N, C-alpha and C. Protein backbone atom coordinates (compact mmCIF):
# COMPACT_ATOMS: atom_id res chain seq x y z
N MET A 1 5.61 -5.21 -0.49
CA MET A 1 5.08 -5.48 0.78
C MET A 1 4.79 -4.48 1.30
N TYR A 2 3.31 -4.29 1.62
CA TYR A 2 2.80 -3.03 2.08
C TYR A 2 2.07 -3.18 4.12
N ASP A 3 3.43 -1.96 4.81
CA ASP A 3 3.29 -2.20 5.82
C ASP A 3 2.93 -1.11 6.41
N GLU A 4 1.42 -1.67 7.36
CA GLU A 4 0.65 -0.23 7.55
C GLU A 4 0.82 0.54 8.33
N ALA A 5 1.61 0.35 9.15
CA ALA A 5 2.44 1.30 10.29
C ALA A 5 3.53 2.77 9.29
N ALA A 6 3.80 2.06 8.59
CA ALA A 6 4.71 3.00 7.54
C ALA A 6 3.69 3.50 6.49
N GLY A 7 3.51 3.13 5.90
CA GLY A 7 2.37 3.59 5.18
C GLY A 7 3.15 3.73 4.04
N ASP A 8 2.83 4.65 3.08
CA ASP A 8 3.53 5.19 2.03
C ASP A 8 3.37 6.79 1.02
N PRO A 9 4.34 7.73 2.86
CA PRO A 9 3.96 9.00 2.54
C PRO A 9 4.73 9.76 1.26
N GLU A 10 5.25 9.21 0.97
CA GLU A 10 5.90 10.01 -0.55
C GLU A 10 5.04 9.89 -1.43
N HIS A 11 3.80 9.20 -1.71
CA HIS A 11 2.39 9.03 -2.42
C HIS A 11 1.36 8.77 -1.98
N GLY A 12 0.84 9.77 -1.04
CA GLY A 12 0.01 9.98 -0.82
C GLY A 12 -0.91 8.88 0.21
N VAL A 13 0.01 7.65 0.82
CA VAL A 13 -0.33 7.33 2.23
C VAL A 13 0.12 7.15 3.38
N ALA A 14 -1.10 7.57 4.12
CA ALA A 14 -0.18 8.44 5.64
C ALA A 14 0.37 7.36 5.92
N PRO A 15 1.04 7.57 7.54
CA PRO A 15 1.69 6.17 8.14
C PRO A 15 -0.08 5.77 9.05
N GLY A 16 -0.25 4.52 9.58
CA GLY A 16 -1.00 3.54 9.65
C GLY A 16 -2.32 3.67 9.44
N THR A 17 -1.95 3.84 7.53
CA THR A 17 -3.37 3.59 6.94
C THR A 17 -3.46 2.51 6.51
N VAL A 18 -4.51 1.07 7.20
CA VAL A 18 -4.58 -0.38 7.00
C VAL A 18 -4.98 -0.29 5.03
N TRP A 19 -5.01 -1.14 5.13
CA TRP A 19 -4.76 -1.64 2.94
C TRP A 19 -6.15 -1.60 2.70
N GLU A 20 -7.36 -1.88 4.02
CA GLU A 20 -8.73 -1.35 2.94
C GLU A 20 -9.38 -0.13 2.65
N GLN A 21 -7.97 0.64 3.25
CA GLN A 21 -8.14 2.56 2.90
C GLN A 21 -7.40 2.68 1.94
N VAL A 22 -5.81 2.37 1.62
CA VAL A 22 -5.23 2.57 -0.12
C VAL A 22 -6.00 2.71 -0.72
N PRO A 23 -6.16 3.80 -1.52
CA PRO A 23 -6.53 3.82 -2.82
C PRO A 23 -6.59 2.81 -3.80
N MET A 24 -7.42 3.00 -4.56
CA MET A 24 -7.46 1.68 -5.52
C MET A 24 -6.63 2.12 -6.44
N ASN A 25 -5.66 3.05 -6.40
CA ASN A 25 -4.80 3.97 -8.25
C ASN A 25 -3.78 3.61 -7.30
N TRP A 26 -3.41 3.25 -6.17
CA TRP A 26 -2.31 3.68 -5.76
C TRP A 26 -1.21 2.23 -6.06
N THR A 27 0.02 2.54 -6.54
CA THR A 27 1.09 1.87 -7.41
C THR A 27 2.50 1.63 -6.53
N CYS A 28 2.87 -0.02 -6.47
CA CYS A 28 3.86 -0.06 -5.27
C CYS A 28 4.92 0.86 -5.89
N PRO A 29 5.93 1.37 -5.39
CA PRO A 29 6.63 2.73 -5.43
C PRO A 29 8.20 1.63 -5.95
N GLU A 30 7.97 0.39 -5.40
CA GLU A 30 9.55 -0.77 -5.73
C GLU A 30 9.18 -1.09 -7.51
N CYS A 31 7.85 -1.72 -7.40
CA CYS A 31 8.04 -2.32 -8.77
C CYS A 31 6.92 -2.12 -9.69
N GLY A 32 5.77 -1.97 -8.93
CA GLY A 32 4.94 -0.64 -10.00
C GLY A 32 3.52 -1.32 -9.81
N ALA A 33 3.52 -2.86 -9.39
CA ALA A 33 2.32 -3.28 -8.82
C ALA A 33 0.65 -2.60 -8.60
N ARG A 34 -0.07 -2.46 -9.43
CA ARG A 34 -1.53 -1.98 -8.81
C ARG A 34 -1.43 -2.96 -7.47
N LYS A 35 -2.30 -2.10 -6.84
CA LYS A 35 -3.42 -2.04 -5.55
C LYS A 35 -4.09 -3.56 -5.23
N GLU A 36 -4.59 -3.38 -7.36
CA GLU A 36 -5.23 -5.12 -6.87
C GLU A 36 -4.35 -6.60 -7.58
N ASP A 37 -2.88 -6.42 -7.58
CA ASP A 37 -2.13 -7.31 -8.35
C ASP A 37 -1.21 -7.85 -6.85
N PHE A 38 -2.08 -7.44 -5.92
CA PHE A 38 -1.36 -7.60 -4.10
C PHE A 38 -2.40 -8.71 -3.99
N GLU A 39 -1.59 -9.71 -2.92
CA GLU A 39 -2.67 -10.59 -2.09
C GLU A 39 -2.22 -10.36 -0.77
N MET A 40 -3.23 -10.67 -0.52
CA MET A 40 -3.00 -9.93 1.50
C MET A 40 -2.68 -11.76 1.90
N VAL A 41 -1.48 -11.25 2.80
CA VAL A 41 -0.62 -12.08 3.65
C VAL A 41 -0.56 -11.99 4.41
N GLN A 42 -1.12 -12.83 5.82
CA GLN A 42 -0.70 -12.40 7.25
C GLN A 42 0.47 -12.53 7.64
N ILE A 43 1.26 -11.44 8.55
CA ILE A 43 2.83 -12.59 8.89
C ILE A 43 2.74 -11.72 10.63
């Protein structure tokens, strides 16, 4: 799960970065999934 408020600063994504602005080459630090493998779910 990607939290826009937290971002992923350890991997170059600043806090407050909206999902649309996360680089396409970003991968989840927990599971290794690529951005394209994620499905947007509103919570």
